[in-house]
Protein backbone atom coordinates (compact mmCIF):
# COMPACT_ATOMS: atom_id res chain seq x y z
CA MET A 1 -64.64 -39.58 272.82
CA THR A 2 -61.58 -38.79 270.68
CA THR A 3 -59.47 -41.88 270.12
CA TRP A 4 -56.93 -40.35 267.76
CA THR A 5 -54.00 -37.97 267.96
CA VAL A 6 -52.90 -35.53 265.28
CA ARG A 7 -49.21 -35.10 264.57
CA THR A 8 -46.79 -33.85 261.94
CA VAL A 9 -45.97 -36.47 259.30
CA THR A 10 -44.42 -36.66 255.84
CA ALA A 11 -46.27 -36.85 252.54
CA ALA A 12 -44.98 -40.42 252.20
CA ASP A 13 -46.62 -41.34 255.52
CA THR A 14 -50.03 -40.42 254.09
CA ALA A 15 -49.61 -41.67 250.52
CA ASP A 16 -51.47 -44.98 250.96
CA LEU A 17 -54.45 -43.36 252.72
CA ARG A 18 -54.67 -40.61 250.10
CA ARG A 19 -54.39 -43.14 247.26
CA GLU A 20 -57.24 -45.27 248.62
CA VAL A 21 -59.58 -42.56 249.89
CA LEU A 22 -59.02 -39.82 247.34
CA ARG A 23 -58.03 -41.73 244.21
CA GLY A 24 -59.79 -45.09 244.50
CA GLY A 25 -56.47 -46.93 244.54
CA LYS A 26 -54.98 -45.01 241.60
CA ASP A 27 -51.67 -43.19 241.80
CA HIS A 28 -51.80 -39.50 242.61
CA PRO A 29 -49.57 -36.48 242.10
CA PRO A 30 -46.94 -36.19 244.84
CA LEU A 31 -47.47 -33.53 247.51
CA GLY A 32 -43.79 -33.28 248.40
CA ASP A 33 -42.12 -32.39 251.68
CA ASP A 34 -40.35 -29.10 252.18
CA PRO A 35 -40.52 -27.73 255.73
CA ALA A 36 -38.34 -24.82 254.58
CA ASP A 37 -41.28 -23.47 252.58
CA HIS A 38 -43.62 -23.64 255.62
CA SER A 39 -45.64 -26.54 254.21
CA LEU A 40 -47.14 -28.94 256.76
CA HIS A 41 -48.49 -32.49 256.57
CA LEU A 42 -50.64 -33.74 259.44
CA GLY A 43 -51.80 -37.27 260.17
CA ALA A 44 -54.48 -38.40 262.59
CA TYR A 45 -53.62 -41.71 264.22
CA ASP A 46 -55.75 -44.13 266.23
CA GLY A 47 -52.88 -45.97 267.88
CA GLU A 48 -50.63 -46.85 264.95
CA LEU A 49 -53.43 -46.70 262.36
CA LEU A 50 -53.47 -43.61 260.14
CA VAL A 51 -57.12 -42.52 259.97
CA GLY A 52 -56.85 -38.99 258.53
CA SER A 53 -54.49 -36.66 256.72
CA GLY A 54 -54.12 -33.16 255.34
CA ASN A 55 -51.51 -30.81 253.90
CA VAL A 56 -51.19 -27.05 253.62
CA ARG A 57 -48.56 -25.07 251.76
CA PRO A 58 -47.99 -21.41 250.96
CA LEU A 59 -48.18 -20.21 247.38
CA PRO A 60 -46.28 -17.34 245.72
CA ASP A 61 -49.43 -15.15 245.66
CA GLY A 62 -49.58 -15.12 249.48
CA SER A 63 -52.41 -17.63 249.73
CA TRP A 64 -52.26 -21.12 251.24
CA ARG A 65 -53.63 -24.28 249.62
CA VAL A 66 -55.07 -27.22 251.53
CA ARG A 67 -54.66 -30.60 249.82
CA GLY A 68 -54.71 -34.29 250.63
CA MET A 69 -57.56 -34.14 253.14
CA ALA A 70 -58.56 -37.78 253.58
CA VAL A 71 -60.35 -39.68 256.35
CA GLU A 72 -60.81 -43.44 256.60
CA PRO A 73 -64.50 -44.16 255.91
CA ALA A 74 -65.07 -45.75 259.34
CA TYR A 75 -63.85 -42.53 261.02
CA ARG A 76 -65.90 -40.02 259.02
CA GLY A 77 -68.35 -37.86 260.91
CA ARG A 78 -66.38 -38.19 264.15
CA GLY A 79 -64.32 -34.99 263.92
CA VAL A 80 -61.10 -36.39 262.48
CA GLY A 81 -61.18 -34.15 259.39
CA ALA A 82 -62.18 -31.12 261.45
CA GLU A 83 -59.26 -31.66 263.83
CA VAL A 84 -56.75 -32.08 261.00
CA LEU A 85 -58.10 -28.99 259.23
CA ALA A 86 -57.96 -26.98 262.48
CA GLY A 87 -54.30 -27.97 262.85
CA LEU A 88 -53.54 -26.86 259.30
CA LEU A 89 -55.30 -23.52 259.83
CA ALA A 90 -53.42 -22.99 263.11
CA HIS A 91 -50.18 -23.53 261.18
CA VAL A 92 -51.23 -20.92 258.62
CA ALA A 93 -51.99 -18.42 261.41
CA ALA A 94 -48.68 -19.14 263.16
CA SER A 95 -46.85 -18.65 259.85
CA GLY A 96 -48.24 -15.17 259.22
CA GLY A 97 -51.71 -15.98 257.94
CA GLY A 98 -53.26 -15.24 254.59
CA PRO A 99 -56.21 -16.51 252.59
CA VAL A 100 -56.63 -20.29 252.42
CA TRP A 101 -58.29 -22.23 249.61
CA CYS A 102 -58.87 -25.76 248.39
CA HIS A 103 -60.66 -27.84 245.81
CA ALA A 104 -63.08 -29.66 248.11
CA ARG A 105 -65.06 -32.75 247.33
CA THR A 106 -68.67 -31.66 247.34
CA GLY A 107 -69.42 -34.23 250.04
CA ALA A 108 -66.93 -32.48 252.36
CA ARG A 109 -68.27 -28.98 251.74
CA SER A 110 -69.84 -28.68 255.21
CA LEU A 111 -66.49 -29.54 256.87
CA TYR A 112 -64.92 -26.51 255.23
CA GLU A 113 -67.94 -24.26 255.82
CA ARG A 114 -67.77 -24.99 259.57
CA ALA A 115 -64.13 -23.80 259.43
CA GLY A 116 -65.08 -20.49 257.78
CA PHE A 117 -64.65 -21.39 254.12
CA VAL A 118 -67.16 -20.35 251.47
CA ALA A 119 -67.83 -21.92 248.08
CA VAL A 120 -66.62 -19.88 245.12
CA GLY A 121 -68.00 -20.60 241.66
CA GLU A 122 -69.87 -23.62 240.47
CA PRO A 123 -69.03 -27.24 241.34
CA TRP A 124 -67.37 -29.30 238.62
CA VAL A 125 -66.68 -32.98 238.08
CA ASP A 126 -63.09 -34.12 237.77
CA PRO A 127 -63.35 -37.28 235.63
CA ASP A 128 -60.72 -39.06 237.74
CA ILE A 129 -61.81 -38.10 241.26
CA GLY A 130 -65.41 -36.85 241.15
CA PRO A 131 -67.33 -33.67 242.01
CA HIS A 132 -65.48 -30.72 243.57
CA VAL A 133 -66.03 -27.09 244.46
CA ARG A 134 -63.49 -24.36 245.14
CA MET A 135 -63.64 -23.24 248.78
CA GLU A 136 -61.94 -20.12 250.14
CA ARG A 137 -61.32 -18.75 253.63
CA PRO A 138 -60.36 -15.09 253.78
CA ALA A 139 -57.27 -13.96 255.69
């Protein structure tokens, strides 16, 4: 049973979760907030507890980039990430669509594959945040 709700948030609302889950407590580059550019931040909340996050923003080449996908460890495997990602993809579709891509942690590859993404190129290891693979979803 779903115990969380997904809603629009700011990058600042998700900063602590992203710092802990994605960066091991280290600072991270800011995602920024600019609704005028059609970017969107979503947060999944169990009551008042933020348990998941994600961001999507359009790029000048017509593609969209997903970033900041993070789920509290105790909530992984329960559909939180899938629901946040579905919300981001619905936003892309409602904003005119286009190809969507991300640099996915290799451990989250199946999440993106279930949403229609495919791996492009070889995985690599970012020395600060671990193994990643580029994932793309055609328009």
